[in-house]
Structures are given as structure tokens and as C-alpha cells.
PDB file of N, CA and C in Angstrom:
ATOM      1  N   UNK A   1      11.888 -79.119  70.618  1.00  0.00           N
ATOM      2  CA  UNK A   1      12.466 -80.057  69.684  1.00  0.00           C
ATOM      3  C   UNK A   1      11.341 -80.783  68.952  1.00  0.00           C
ATOM      4  N   UNK A   2      11.141 -80.501  67.702  1.00  0.00           N
ATOM      5  CA  UNK A   2      10.015 -81.091  66.974  1.00  0.00           C
ATOM      6  C   UNK A   2      10.193 -82.584  66.688  1.00  0.00           C
ATOM      7  N   UNK A   3      11.419 -83.090  66.647  1.00  0.00           N
ATOM      8  CA  UNK A   3      11.592 -84.503  66.332  1.00  0.00           C
ATOM      9  C   UNK A   3      11.203 -85.411  67.502  1.00  0.00           C
ATOM     10  N   UNK A   4      10.943 -84.867  68.665  1.00  0.00           N
ATOM     11  CA  UNK A   4      10.485 -85.655  69.800  1.00  0.00           C
ATOM     12  C   UNK A   4       8.981 -85.539  70.016  1.00  0.00           C
ATOM     13  N   UNK A   5       8.297 -84.829  69.148  1.00  0.00           N
ATOM     14  CA  UNK A   5       6.857 -84.660  69.272  1.00  0.00           C
ATOM     15  C   UNK A   5       6.151 -85.974  68.947  1.00  0.00           C
ATOM     16  N   UNK A   6       5.283 -86.439  69.829  1.00  0.00           N
ATOM     17  CA  UNK A   6       4.598 -87.717  69.665  1.00  0.00           C
ATOM     18  C   UNK A   6       3.639 -87.702  68.481  1.00  0.00           C
ATOM     19  N   UNK A   7       3.093 -86.551  68.143  1.00  0.00           N
ATOM     20  CA  UNK A   7       2.156 -86.461  67.021  1.00  0.00           C
ATOM     21  C   UNK A   7       2.870 -86.747  65.703  1.00  0.00           C
ATOM     22  N   UNK A   8       4.074 -86.247  65.541  1.00  0.00           N
ATOM     23  CA  UNK A   8       4.820 -86.485  64.309  1.00  0.00           C
ATOM     24  C   UNK A   8       5.522 -87.841  64.332  1.00  0.00           C
ATOM     25  N   UNK A   9       5.776 -88.368  65.508  1.00  0.00           N
ATOM     26  CA  UNK A   9       6.536 -89.605  65.630  1.00  0.00           C
ATOM     27  C   UNK A   9       5.685 -90.838  65.338  1.00  0.00           C
ATOM     28  N   UNK A  10       4.456 -90.871  65.795  1.00  0.00           N
ATOM     29  CA  UNK A  10       3.618 -92.061  65.672  1.00  0.00           C
ATOM     30  C   UNK A  10       3.301 -92.438  64.219  1.00  0.00           C
ATOM     31  N   UNK A  11       2.962 -91.518  63.332  1.00  0.00           N
ATOM     32  CA  UNK A  11       2.730 -91.931  61.937  1.00  0.00           C
ATOM     33  C   UNK A  11       3.986 -92.508  61.278  1.00  0.00           C
ATOM     34  N   UNK A  12       5.137 -91.920  61.577  1.00  0.00           N
ATOM     35  CA  UNK A  12       6.378 -92.463  61.029  1.00  0.00           C
ATOM     36  C   UNK A  12       6.631 -93.871  61.557  1.00  0.00           C
ATOM     37  N   UNK A  13       6.385 -94.076  62.823  1.00  0.00           N
ATOM     38  CA  UNK A  13       6.564 -95.381  63.444  1.00  0.00           C
ATOM     39  C   UNK A  13       5.597 -96.393  62.834  1.00  0.00           C
ATOM     40  N   UNK A  14       4.355 -95.999  62.647  1.00  0.00           N
ATOM     41  CA  UNK A  14       3.349 -96.896  62.074  1.00  0.00           C
ATOM     42  C   UNK A  14       3.718 -97.273  60.640  1.00  0.00           C
ATOM     43  N   UNK A  15       4.117 -96.303  59.820  1.00  0.00           N
ATOM     44  CA  UNK A  15       4.495 -96.605  58.446  1.00  0.00           C
ATOM     45  C   UNK A  15       5.746 -97.474  58.391  1.00  0.00           C
ATOM     46  N   UNK A  16       6.678 -97.216  59.274  1.00  0.00           N
ATOM     47  CA  UNK A  16       7.884 -98.052  59.312  1.00  0.00           C
ATOM     48  C   UNK A  16       7.527 -99.494  59.660  1.00  0.00           C
ATOM     49  N   UNK A  17       6.641 -99.688  60.634  1.00  0.00           N
ATOM     50  CA  UNK A  17       6.212-101.045  60.982  1.00  0.00           C
ATOM     51  C   UNK A  17       5.480-101.719  59.828  1.00  0.00           C
ATOM     52  N   UNK A  18       4.621-100.987  59.152  1.00  0.00           N
ATOM     53  CA  UNK A  18       3.878-101.550  58.021  1.00  0.00           C
ATOM     54  C   UNK A  18       4.826-101.961  56.899  1.00  0.00           C
ATOM     55  N   UNK A  19       5.730-101.074  56.537  1.00  0.00           N
ATOM     56  CA  UNK A  19       6.649-101.358  55.437  1.00  0.00           C
ATOM     57  C   UNK A  19       7.595-102.496  55.795  1.00  0.00           C
ATOM     58  N   UNK A  20       8.122-102.497  57.013  1.00  0.00           N
ATOM     59  CA  UNK A  20       9.028-103.569  57.413  1.00  0.00           C
ATOM     60  C   UNK A  20       8.318-104.913  57.518  1.00  0.00           C
ATOM     61  N   UNK A  21       7.074-104.911  57.967  1.00  0.00           N
ATOM     62  CA  UNK A  21       6.343-106.180  58.027  1.00  0.00           C
ATOM     63  C   UNK A  21       6.023-106.697  56.627  1.00  0.00           C
ATOM     64  N   UNK A  22       5.709-105.803  55.691  1.00  0.00           N
ATOM     65  CA  UNK A  22       5.494-106.224  54.304  1.00  0.00           C
ATOM     66  C   UNK A  22       6.781-106.761  53.680  1.00  0.00           C
ATOM     67  N   UNK A  23       7.878-106.101  53.954  1.00  0.00           N
ATOM     68  CA  UNK A  23       9.165-106.564  53.446  1.00  0.00           C
ATOM     69  C   UNK A  23       9.525-107.926  54.034  1.00  0.00           C
ATOM     70  N   UNK A  24       9.308-108.097  55.324  1.00  0.00           N
ATOM     71  CA  UNK A  24       9.571-109.378  55.984  1.00  0.00           C
ATOM     72  C   UNK A  24       8.693-110.476  55.389  1.00  0.00           C
ATOM     73  N   UNK A  25       7.418-110.172  55.166  1.00  0.00           N
ATOM     74  CA  UNK A  25       6.506-111.155  54.577  1.00  0.00           C
ATOM     75  C   UNK A  25       6.944-111.538  53.170  1.00  0.00           C
ATOM     76  N   UNK A  26       7.354-110.563  52.385  1.00  0.00           N
ATOM     77  CA  UNK A  26       7.830-110.837  51.035  1.00  0.00           C
ATOM     78  C   UNK A  26       9.043-111.754  51.065  1.00  0.00           C
ATOM     79  N   UNK A  27       9.976-111.465  51.943  1.00  0.00           N
ATOM     80  CA  UNK A  27      11.186-112.279  52.028  1.00  0.00           C
ATOM     81  C   UNK A  27      10.858-113.695  52.478  1.00  0.00           C
ATOM     82  N   UNK A  28      10.047-113.830  53.526  1.00  0.00           N
ATOM     83  CA  UNK A  28       9.757-115.150  54.089  1.00  0.00           C
ATOM     84  C   UNK A  28       8.870-115.979  53.165  1.00  0.00           C
ATOM     85  N   UNK A  29       7.894-115.360  52.533  1.00  0.00           N
ATOM     86  CA  UNK A  29       6.934-116.122  51.740  1.00  0.00           C
ATOM     87  C   UNK A  29       7.340-116.315  50.281  1.00  0.00           C
ATOM     88  N   UNK A  30       8.160-115.448  49.737  1.00  0.00           N
ATOM     89  CA  UNK A  30       8.504-115.536  48.321  1.00  0.00           C
ATOM     90  C   UNK A  30       9.974-115.869  48.076  1.00  0.00           C
ATOM     91  N   UNK A  31      10.863-115.094  48.647  1.00  0.00           N
ATOM     92  CA  UNK A  31      12.274-115.204  48.288  1.00  0.00           C
ATOM     93  C   UNK A  31      12.932-116.420  48.933  1.00  0.00           C
ATOM     94  N   UNK A  32      12.730-116.631  50.224  1.00  0.00           N
ATOM     95  CA  UNK A  32      13.375-117.758  50.897  1.00  0.00           C
ATOM     96  C   UNK A  32      12.935-119.121  50.368  1.00  0.00           C
ATOM     97  N   UNK A  33      11.654-119.353  50.073  1.00  0.00           N
ATOM     98  CA  UNK A  33      11.306-120.650  49.480  1.00  0.00           C
ATOM     99  C   UNK A  33      11.956-120.884  48.114  1.00  0.00           C
ATOM    100  N   UNK A  34      12.082-119.838  47.316  1.00  0.00           N
ATOM    101  CA  UNK A  34      12.750-119.992  46.018  1.00  0.00           C
ATOM    102  C   UNK A  34      14.223-120.320  46.204  1.00  0.00           C
ATOM    103  N   UNK A  35      14.875-119.655  47.145  1.00  0.00           N
ATOM    104  CA  UNK A  35      16.276-119.964  47.417  1.00  0.00           C
ATOM    105  C   UNK A  35      16.433-121.388  47.930  1.00  0.00           C
ATOM    106  N   UNK A  36      15.543-121.804  48.806  1.00  0.00           N
ATOM    107  CA  UNK A  36      15.598-123.159  49.337  1.00  0.00           C
ATOM    108  C   UNK A  36      15.402-124.181  48.214  1.00  0.00           C
ATOM    109  N   UNK A  37      14.485-123.906  47.309  1.00  0.00           N
ATOM    110  CA  UNK A  37      14.251-124.808  46.188  1.00  0.00           C
ATOM    111  C   UNK A  37      15.480-124.883  45.284  1.00  0.00           C
ATOM    112  N   UNK A  38      16.088-123.748  45.010  1.00  0.00           N
ATOM    113  CA  UNK A  38      17.275-123.743  44.162  1.00  0.00           C
ATOM    114  C   UNK A  38      18.435-124.483  44.814  1.00  0.00           C
ATOM    115  N   UNK A  39      18.617-124.302  46.116  1.00  0.00           N
ATOM    116  CA  UNK A  39      19.686-125.018  46.810  1.00  0.00           C
ATOM    117  C   UNK A  39      19.424-126.516  46.829  1.00  0.00           C
ATOM    118  N   UNK A  40      18.168-126.918  46.977  1.00  0.00           N
ATOM    119  CA  UNK A  40      17.837-128.347  46.956  1.00  0.00           C
ATOM    120  C   UNK A  40      18.079-128.933  45.568  1.00  0.00           C
ATOM    121  N   UNK A  41      17.684-128.209  44.524  1.00  0.00           N
ATOM    122  CA  UNK A  41      17.936-128.684  43.163  1.00  0.00           C
ATOM    123  C   UNK A  41      19.426-128.781  42.879  1.00  0.00           C
ATOM    124  N   UNK A  42      20.177-127.815  43.340  1.00  0.00           N
ATOM    125  CA  UNK A  42      21.623-127.830  43.138  1.00  0.00           C
ATOM    126  C   UNK A  42      22.264-128.998  43.874  1.00  0.00           C
ATOM    127  N   UNK A  43      21.815-129.255  45.102  1.00  0.00           N
ATOM    128  CA  UNK A  43      22.357-130.375  45.871  1.00  0.00           C
ATOM    129  C   UNK A  43      22.010-131.700  45.204  1.00  0.00           C
ATOM    130  N   UNK A  44      20.777-131.817  44.707  1.00  0.00           N
ATOM    131  CA  UNK A  44      20.371-133.046  44.020  1.00  0.00           C
ATOM    132  C   UNK A  44      21.191-133.243  42.747  1.00  0.00           C
ATOM    133  N   UNK A  45      21.398-132.189  41.992  1.00  0.00           N
ATOM    134  CA  UNK A  45      22.197-132.284  40.773  1.00  0.00           C
ATOM    135  C   UNK A  45      23.637-132.652  41.102  1.00  0.00           C
ATOM    136  N   UNK A  46      24.155-132.116  42.169  1.00  0.00           N
ATOM    137  CA  UNK A  46      25.524-132.426  42.577  1.00  0.00           C
ATOM    138  C   UNK A  46      25.646-133.890  43.000  1.00  0.00           C
ATOM    139  N   UNK A  47      24.635-134.403  43.705  1.00  0.00           N
ATOM    140  CA  UNK A  47      24.670-135.806  44.118  1.00  0.00           C
ATOM    141  C   UNK A  47      24.582-136.742  42.918  1.00  0.00           C
ATOM    142  N   UNK A  48      23.718-136.434  41.975  1.00  0.00           N
ATOM    143  CA  UNK A  48      23.619-137.289  40.788  1.00  0.00           C
ATOM    144  C   UNK A  48      24.876-137.199  39.940  1.00  0.00           C
ATOM    145  N   UNK A  49      25.499-136.049  39.925  1.00  0.00           N
ATOM    146  CA  UNK A  49      26.753-135.888  39.193  1.00  0.00           C
ATOM    147  C   UNK A  49      27.857-136.703  39.854  1.00  0.00           C
ATOM    148  N   UNK A  50      27.896-136.699  41.193  1.00  0.00           N
ATOM    149  CA  UNK A  50      28.909-137.470  41.914  1.00  0.00           C
ATOM    150  C   UNK A  50      28.683-138.966  41.753  1.00  0.00           C
ATOM    151  N   UNK A  51      27.430-139.395  41.689  1.00  0.00           N
ATOM    152  CA  UNK A  51      27.143-140.815  41.502  1.00  0.00           C
ATOM    153  C   UNK A  51      27.525-141.272  40.099  1.00  0.00           C
ATOM    154  N   UNK A  52      27.381-140.397  39.120  1.00  0.00           N
ATOM    155  CA  UNK A  52      27.691-140.760  37.740  1.00  0.00           C
ATOM    156  C   UNK A  52      29.196-140.873  37.520  1.00  0.00           C
ATOM    157  N   UNK A  53      29.953-139.980  38.091  1.00  0.00           N
ATOM    158  CA  UNK A  53      31.409-139.990  37.926  1.00  0.00           C
ATOM    159  C   UNK A  53      32.062-139.739  39.278  1.00  0.00           C
ATOM    160  N   UNK A  54      32.214-140.781  40.108  1.00  0.00           N
ATOM    161  CA  UNK A  54      32.721-140.550  41.466  1.00  0.00           C
ATOM    162  C   UNK A  54      34.195-140.165  41.524  1.00  0.00           C
ATOM    163  N   UNK A  55      35.010-140.601  40.566  1.00  0.00           N
ATOM    164  CA  UNK A  55      36.438-140.333  40.650  1.00  0.00           C
ATOM    165  C   UNK A  55      36.856-139.102  39.858  1.00  0.00           C
ATOM    166  N   UNK A  56      35.967-138.498  39.133  1.00  0.00           N
ATOM    167  CA  UNK A  56      36.331-137.386  38.252  1.00  0.00           C
ATOM    168  C   UNK A  56      36.252-136.053  38.980  1.00  0.00           C
ATOM    169  N   UNK A  57      37.264-135.246  38.795  1.00  0.00           N
ATOM    170  CA  UNK A  57      37.310-133.851  39.242  1.00  0.00           C
ATOM    171  C   UNK A  57      36.975-133.673  40.719  1.00  0.00           C
ATOM    172  N   UNK A  58      37.791-134.194  41.590  1.00  0.00           N
ATOM    173  CA  UNK A  58      37.561-134.008  43.026  1.00  0.00           C
ATOM    174  C   UNK A  58      37.946-132.602  43.463  1.00  0.00           C
ATOM    175  N   UNK A  59      38.819-131.956  42.708  1.00  0.00           N
ATOM    176  CA  UNK A  59      39.217-130.594  43.067  1.00  0.00           C
ATOM    177  C   UNK A  59      38.083-129.598  42.854  1.00  0.00           C
ATOM    178  N   UNK A  60      37.303-129.764  41.810  1.00  0.00           N
ATOM    179  CA  UNK A  60      36.228-128.812  41.543  1.00  0.00           C
ATOM    180  C   UNK A  60      35.076-128.974  42.523  1.00  0.00           C
ATOM    181  N   UNK A  61      34.965-130.102  43.201  1.00  0.00           N
ATOM    182  CA  UNK A  61      33.902-130.325  44.184  1.00  0.00           C
ATOM    183  C   UNK A  61      34.252-129.715  45.536  1.00  0.00           C
ATOM    184  N   UNK A  62      35.501-129.358  45.750  1.00  0.00           N
ATOM    185  CA  UNK A  62      35.919-128.821  47.048  1.00  0.00           C
ATOM    186  C   UNK A  62      35.200-127.524  47.411  1.00  0.00           C
ATOM    187  N   UNK A  63      35.042-126.549  46.513  1.00  0.00           N
ATOM    188  CA  UNK A  63      34.298-125.335  46.899  1.00  0.00           C
ATOM    189  C   UNK A  63      32.845-125.614  47.239  1.00  0.00           C
ATOM    190  N   UNK A  64      32.233-126.591  46.585  1.00  0.00           N
ATOM    191  CA  UNK A  64      30.841-126.934  46.883  1.00  0.00           C
ATOM    192  C   UNK A  64      30.738-127.528  48.276  1.00  0.00           C
ATOM    193  N   UNK A  65      31.702-128.357  48.652  1.00  0.00           N
ATOM    194  CA  UNK A  65      31.701-128.955  49.993  1.00  0.00           C
ATOM    195  C   UNK A  65      31.870-127.873  51.047  1.00  0.00           C
ATOM    196  N   UNK A  66      32.737-126.925  50.795  1.00  0.00           N
ATOM    197  CA  UNK A  66      32.932-125.820  51.734  1.00  0.00           C
ATOM    198  C   UNK A  66      31.656-124.996  51.840  1.00  0.00           C
ATOM    199  N   UNK A  67      31.000-124.731  50.712  1.00  0.00           N
ATOM    200  CA  UNK A  67      29.755-123.960  50.706  1.00  0.00           C
ATOM    201  C   UNK A  67      28.663-124.696  51.468  1.00  0.00           C
ATOM    202  N   UNK A  68      28.554-126.008  51.268  1.00  0.00           N
ATOM    203  CA  UNK A  68      27.541-126.789  51.971  1.00  0.00           C
ATOM    204  C   UNK A  68      27.810-126.818  53.469  1.00  0.00           C
ATOM    205  N   UNK A  69      29.084-126.896  53.852  1.00  0.00           N
ATOM    206  CA  UNK A  69      29.400-126.953  55.283  1.00  0.00           C
ATOM    207  C   UNK A  69      29.104-125.626  55.981  1.00  0.00           C
ATOM    208  N   UNK A  70      29.088-124.536  55.245  1.00  0.00           N
ATOM    209  CA  UNK A  70      28.760-123.247  55.846  1.00  0.00           C
ATOM    210  C   UNK A  70      27.305-123.185  56.260  1.00  0.00           C
ATOM    211  N   UNK A  71      26.404-123.891  55.552  1.00  0.00           N
ATOM    212  CA  UNK A  71      24.975-123.801  55.804  1.00  0.00           C
ATOM    213  C   UNK A  71      24.401-125.006  56.522  1.00  0.00           C
ATOM    214  N   UNK A  72      25.240-125.911  56.967  1.00  0.00           N
ATOM    215  CA  UNK A  72      24.699-127.060  57.694  1.00  0.00           C
ATOM    216  C   UNK A  72      25.184-127.086  59.119  1.00  0.00           C
TER     217      UNK A  72
END
């Protein structure tokens, strides 16, 4: 069975580890900080919007509250 040969298996394993570690680094160092920044900006904008008009459109704020409760 050639797919169990250690000579052919180790390079595939090494490349998989290299590619997955690069992908993980890209996600952790680039994508997640941008998402965190966007969520913080959105939350800040939502708070300033609520302070400006506290009684206006309480129905449209309900999905945002549900979304925030999912991540806290």
C-alpha cells in the first residue's frame, strides 16, 4: 500500500503543517484584528446613535442586541 509509505507521507505532512500554520498566522494577525476593529467601531457608532435619539426606532435595534448577545 503506497499511501502508508513513510517516505511519501512525511513531505505531505510537513507541507500541510507549513500551509496550515501560515493560514492560522494570517487569520490571527491580519483578519481577526480587522474584524475586532470593525465590531468596536460599529458598537461605538451604535452607542452614539442611541445616545442621540434614545426613543427612536427601538424595533430596528433589536437585531443588533441579539447579535451582540451572541458574542458576549
